[in-house]
C-alpha atoms as a PDB file:
ATOM      1  CA  MET A   1     -12.139   7.805  -7.484  1.00  0.00           C
ATOM      2  CA  ILE A   2      -9.421   5.477  -5.932  1.00  0.00           C
ATOM      3  CA  ARG A   3     -10.143   2.764  -8.500  1.00  0.00           C
ATOM      4  CA  ARG A   4      -9.749   5.055 -11.326  1.00  0.00           C
ATOM      5  CA  GLN A   5      -6.637   6.556  -9.937  1.00  0.00           C
ATOM      6  CA  GLY A   6      -4.749   3.281  -9.915  1.00  0.00           C
ATOM      7  CA  ILE A   7      -5.989   0.688  -7.478  1.00  0.00           C
ATOM      8  CA  GLN A   8      -7.989  -0.906 -10.235  1.00  0.00           C
ATOM      9  CA  PHE A   9      -4.778  -1.722 -12.071  1.00  0.00           C
ATOM     10  CA  TRP A  10      -3.346  -3.519  -9.018  1.00  0.00           C
ATOM     11  CA  MET A  11      -6.733  -5.335  -8.556  1.00  0.00           C
ATOM     12  CA  SER A  12      -6.274  -6.587 -12.016  1.00  0.00           C
ATOM     13  CA  VAL A  13      -2.698  -7.523 -11.691  1.00  0.00           C
ATOM     14  CA  PHE A  14      -3.487  -9.858  -8.596  1.00  0.00           C
ATOM     15  CA  GLN A  15      -6.591 -11.257 -10.162  1.00  0.00           C
ATOM     16  CA  GLY A  16      -4.643 -12.132 -13.269  1.00  0.00           C
ATOM     17  CA  LEU A  17      -1.858 -13.802 -11.204  1.00  0.00           C
ATOM     18  CA  ALA A  18      -4.802 -15.723  -9.402  1.00  0.00           C
ATOM     19  CA  GLU A  19      -6.510 -16.889 -12.504  1.00  0.00           C
ATOM     20  CA  SER A  20      -3.392 -18.025 -14.257  1.00  0.00           C
ATOM     21  CA  GLY A  21      -2.480 -20.158 -11.292  1.00  0.00           C
ATOM     22  CA  PHE A  22       0.180 -18.064  -9.879  1.00  0.00           C
ATOM     23  CA  HIS A  23      -1.244 -17.059  -6.573  1.00  0.00           C
ATOM     24  CA  ASN A  24      -3.499 -19.312  -4.536  1.00  0.00           C
ATOM     25  CA  ALA A  25      -3.479 -17.187  -1.516  1.00  0.00           C
ATOM     26  CA  ASP A  26      -1.406 -19.403   0.626  1.00  0.00           C
ATOM     27  CA  TYR A  27       1.223 -18.082   3.157  1.00  0.00           C
ATOM     28  CA  LEU A  28       4.076 -18.454   0.641  1.00  0.00           C
ATOM     29  CA  ASP A  29       2.185 -16.508  -2.184  1.00  0.00           C
ATOM     30  CA  GLN A  30       1.112 -13.718   0.279  1.00  0.00           C
ATOM     31  CA  GLU A  31       4.773 -13.245   1.558  1.00  0.00           C
ATOM     32  CA  ILE A  32       6.205 -13.229  -1.870  1.00  0.00           C
ATOM     33  CA  THR A  33       3.486 -10.836  -2.837  1.00  0.00           C
ATOM     34  CA  CYS A  34       4.412  -8.606  -0.275  1.00  0.00           C
ATOM     35  CA  PHE A  35       8.076  -8.769  -0.960  1.00  0.00           C
ATOM     36  CA  CYS A  36       7.536  -8.102  -4.541  1.00  0.00           C
ATOM     37  CA  PHE A  37       4.648  -5.610  -4.690  1.00  0.00           C
ATOM     38  CA  LEU A  38       4.115  -3.782  -1.431  1.00  0.00           C
ATOM     39  CA  GLN A  39       6.181  -0.848  -2.086  1.00  0.00           C
ATOM     40  CA  LEU A  40       4.843  -0.345  -5.621  1.00  0.00           C
ATOM     41  CA  VAL A  41       1.250  -0.495  -4.294  1.00  0.00           C
ATOM     42  CA  GLN A  42       2.126   1.811  -1.458  1.00  0.00           C
ATOM     43  CA  ASP A  43       3.605   4.345  -4.031  1.00  0.00           C
ATOM     44  CA  THR A  44       0.310   4.206  -5.950  1.00  0.00           C
ATOM     45  CA  LEU A  45      -1.649   4.955  -2.665  1.00  0.00           C
ATOM     46  CA  ASP A  46       0.799   7.762  -1.813  1.00  0.00           C
ATOM     47  CA  ASP A  47       0.112   9.176  -5.386  1.00  0.00           C
ATOM     48  CA  ILE A  48      -3.638   8.859  -4.977  1.00  0.00           C
ATOM     49  CA  SER A  49      -3.557  10.472  -1.516  1.00  0.00           C
ATOM     50  CA  SER A  50      -1.334  13.421  -2.842  1.00  0.00           C
ATOM     51  CA  ILE A  51      -3.816  13.876  -5.862  1.00  0.00           C
ATOM     52  CA  TRP A  52      -6.811  13.628  -3.631  1.00  0.00           C
ATOM     53  CA  ASN A  53      -5.550  16.333  -1.210  1.00  0.00           C
ATOM     54  CA  ARG A  54      -4.621  18.772  -3.941  1.00  0.00           C
ATOM     55  CA  HIS A  55      -7.838  18.686  -5.757  1.00  0.00           C
ATOM     56  CA  ARG A  56     -10.668  21.176  -4.918  1.00  0.00           C
ATOM     57  CA  ILE A  57     -14.174  20.137  -3.767  1.00  0.00           C
ATOM     58  CA  ARG A  58     -16.623  22.419  -5.633  1.00  0.00           C
ATOM     59  CA  ARG A  59     -19.378  24.389  -3.991  1.00  0.00           C
ATOM     60  CA  TYR A  60     -22.845  22.841  -4.851  1.00  0.00           C
ATOM     61  CA  ARG A  61     -26.013  24.905  -4.638  1.00  0.00           C
ATOM     62  CA  GLN A  62     -27.979  22.263  -2.791  1.00  0.00           C
ATOM     63  CA  GLY A  63     -25.008  20.832  -0.998  1.00  0.00           C
ATOM     64  CA  VAL A  64     -24.563  20.909   2.695  1.00  0.00           C
ATOM     65  CA  SER A  65     -20.916  19.956   2.627  1.00  0.00           C
ATOM     66  CA  GLN A  66     -17.964  22.352   2.738  1.00  0.00           C
ATOM     67  CA  CYS A  67     -15.945  23.046  -0.421  1.00  0.00           C
ATOM     68  CA  GLY A  68     -12.247  23.418  -0.511  1.00  0.00           C
ATOM     69  CA  ARG A  69      -9.011  21.237  -0.413  1.00  0.00           C
ATOM     70  CA  PRO A  70      -9.601  17.917   1.545  1.00  0.00           C
ATOM     71  CA  PHE A  71      -6.376  18.310   3.383  1.00  0.00           C
ATOM     72  CA  LEU A  72      -7.248  21.753   4.683  1.00  0.00           C
ATOM     73  CA  LEU A  73     -10.810  20.865   5.399  1.00  0.00           C
ATOM     74  CA  HIS A  74      -9.585  17.938   7.771  1.00  0.00           C
ATOM     75  CA  HIS A  75      -6.616  19.844   9.227  1.00  0.00           C
ATOM     76  CA  MET A  76      -8.073  23.253   9.562  1.00  0.00           C
ATOM     77  CA  PRO A  77     -11.992  22.937   9.966  1.00  0.00           C
ATOM     78  CA  SER A  78     -12.182  26.201  12.062  1.00  0.00           C
ATOM     79  CA  ALA A  79     -10.803  28.154   8.875  1.00  0.00           C
ATOM     80  CA  PHE A  80     -13.978  26.967   7.045  1.00  0.00           C
ATOM     81  CA  ASN A  81     -16.487  27.440   9.816  1.00  0.00           C
ATOM     82  CA  THR A  82     -17.193  23.922  10.141  1.00  0.00           C
ATOM     83  CA  VAL A  83     -17.129  21.397  12.929  1.00  0.00           C
ATOM     84  CA  ASN A  84     -13.710  19.651  14.030  1.00  0.00           C
ATOM     85  CA  TYR A  85     -14.717  16.043  14.105  1.00  0.00           C
ATOM     86  CA  GLY A  86     -11.255  15.148  15.406  1.00  0.00           C
ATOM     87  CA  VAL A  87     -11.043  13.304  18.754  1.00  0.00           C
ATOM     88  CA  GLU A  88      -8.554  14.384  21.428  1.00  0.00           C
ATOM     89  CA  ILE A  89      -6.069  11.532  22.172  1.00  0.00           C
ATOM     90  CA  ASN A  90      -4.649  11.238  25.639  1.00  0.00           C
ATOM     91  CA  GLU A  91      -0.871  11.624  25.395  1.00  0.00           C
ATOM     92  CA  ASN A  92      -0.234   8.536  27.780  1.00  0.00           C
ATOM     93  CA  GLU A  93      -2.517   6.428  25.491  1.00  0.00           C
ATOM     94  CA  LEU A  94      -0.576   7.619  22.416  1.00  0.00           C
ATOM     95  CA  ASN A  95       2.817   6.756  24.005  1.00  0.00           C
ATOM     96  CA  ILE A  96       1.532   3.223  24.868  1.00  0.00           C
ATOM     97  CA  CYS A  97       0.428   2.681  21.296  1.00  0.00           C
ATOM     98  CA  GLU A  98       3.655   3.949  19.940  1.00  0.00           C
ATOM     99  CA  SER A  99       5.699   1.816  22.347  1.00  0.00           C
ATOM    100  CA  GLU A 100       3.706  -1.283  21.343  1.00  0.00           C
ATOM    101  CA  LEU A 101       4.176  -0.514  17.753  1.00  0.00           C
ATOM    102  CA  GLU A 102       7.931  -0.264  18.000  1.00  0.00           C
ATOM    103  CA  MET A 103       8.043  -3.902  18.885  1.00  0.00           C
ATOM    104  CA  LEU A 104       6.580  -5.002  15.631  1.00  0.00           C
ATOM    105  CA  PRO A 105       8.887  -5.624  12.576  1.00  0.00           C
ATOM    106  CA  HIS A 106       9.198  -3.039  10.161  1.00  0.00           C
ATOM    107  CA  LEU A 107       9.365  -5.508   7.102  1.00  0.00           C
ATOM    108  CA  PRO A 108       6.626  -5.960   4.666  1.00  0.00           C
ATOM    109  CA  CYS A 109       6.963  -9.832   4.857  1.00  0.00           C
ATOM    110  CA  SER A 110       8.496 -12.318   7.219  1.00  0.00           C
ATOM    111  CA  LYS A 111      12.167 -11.916   7.830  1.00  0.00           C
ATOM    112  CA  LEU A 112      12.668 -15.485   6.508  1.00  0.00           C
ATOM    113  CA  ILE A 113      10.911 -14.907   3.305  1.00  0.00           C
ATOM    114  CA  LYS A 114      12.566 -11.436   2.674  1.00  0.00           C
ATOM    115  CA  ASP A 115      16.023 -13.019   3.243  1.00  0.00           C
ATOM    116  CA  LEU A 116      15.376 -15.850   0.893  1.00  0.00           C
ATOM    117  CA  CYS A 117      13.867 -13.650  -1.735  1.00  0.00           C
ATOM    118  CA  ALA A 118      16.941 -11.382  -1.408  1.00  0.00           C
ATOM    119  CA  CYS A 119      19.370 -14.225  -1.647  1.00  0.00           C
ATOM    120  CA  ILE A 120      17.645 -15.687  -4.649  1.00  0.00           C
ATOM    121  CA  VAL A 121      17.609 -12.204  -6.401  1.00  0.00           C
ATOM    122  CA  GLU A 122      21.345 -11.794  -5.495  1.00  0.00           C
ATOM    123  CA  GLU A 123      22.385 -15.239  -6.668  1.00  0.00           C
ATOM    124  CA  ASN A 124      20.670 -14.644  -9.898  1.00  0.00           C
ATOM    125  CA  ASN A 125      22.053 -11.242 -10.644  1.00  0.00           C
ATOM    126  CA  ILE A 126      18.426  -9.657 -10.845  1.00  0.00           C
ATOM    127  CA  ALA A 127      18.098  -5.935 -10.585  1.00  0.00           C
ATOM    128  CA  THR A 128      15.241  -4.647  -8.572  1.00  0.00           C
ATOM    129  CA  PRO A 129      12.457  -4.053 -11.132  1.00  0.00           C
ATOM    130  CA  GLN A 130      10.835  -0.589 -10.989  1.00  0.00           C
ATOM    131  CA  ASP A 131       7.721  -1.301 -13.133  1.00  0.00           C
ATOM    132  CA  PRO A 132       4.861  -3.517 -12.362  1.00  0.00           C
ATOM    133  CA  GLU A 133       5.364  -5.854 -15.485  1.00  0.00           C
ATOM    134  CA  SER A 134       8.951  -6.677 -14.537  1.00  0.00           C
ATOM    135  CA  MET A 135       7.876  -7.090 -10.756  1.00  0.00           C
ATOM    136  CA  GLN A 136       5.213  -9.676 -11.985  1.00  0.00           C
ATOM    137  CA  ILE A 137       7.976 -11.682 -13.698  1.00  0.00           C
ATOM    138  CA  LEU A 138      10.239 -11.473 -10.583  1.00  0.00           C
ATOM    139  CA  TYR A 139       7.282 -12.674  -8.573  1.00  0.00           C
ATOM    140  CA  MET A 140       6.626 -15.577 -10.755  1.00  0.00           C
ATOM    141  CA  PHE A 141      10.297 -16.379 -10.836  1.00  0.00           C
ATOM    142  CA  LEU A 142      10.735 -16.258  -7.024  1.00  0.00           C
ATOM    143  CA  ARG A 143       7.807 -18.160  -6.413  1.00  0.00           C
ATOM    144  CA  GLU A 144       8.657 -21.138  -8.818  1.00  0.00           C
ATOM    145  CA  GLU A 145      12.222 -20.913  -7.491  1.00  0.00           C
ATOM    146  CA  ILE A 146      11.099 -21.291  -3.789  1.00  0.00           C
ATOM    147  CA  ARG A 147       8.407 -24.067  -4.481  1.00  0.00           C
ATOM    148  CA  ASN A 148      10.915 -26.053  -6.517  1.00  0.00           C
ATOM    149  CA  ASN A 149      13.310 -25.998  -3.647  1.00  0.00           C
ATOM    150  CA  LEU A 150      10.888 -26.959  -0.779  1.00  0.00           C
END
């Protein structure tokens, strides 16, 4: 389901970049990929999640699984006379996890690469692409620009 809904598209984009020699999975390529594509991929995943949670699981004659909307089945299992498989989390443990996460940077890539890419984009008067094809062009441009100046 996830592949059909859009992830296969992104898998093909990244495979195409690799096959054409524009992505060799080194540190720089991964960081530029995050800078360019992470938000678009996240938007795709958010769309898939929204579609999945709105659809209805049908009742099957032989099926032992519940029918209904996945979001409601997950968050309100008692309304469907099913078992709540959720696990209680200690409030103190949750606070510890949250405090440790607060220390992590909220950037999709390293600050250095983000700043460098933003600087190159600004110097070249490049508008932020809103579609995958334009983003691929930006990715290839940034990759070449950075590698040529190393």
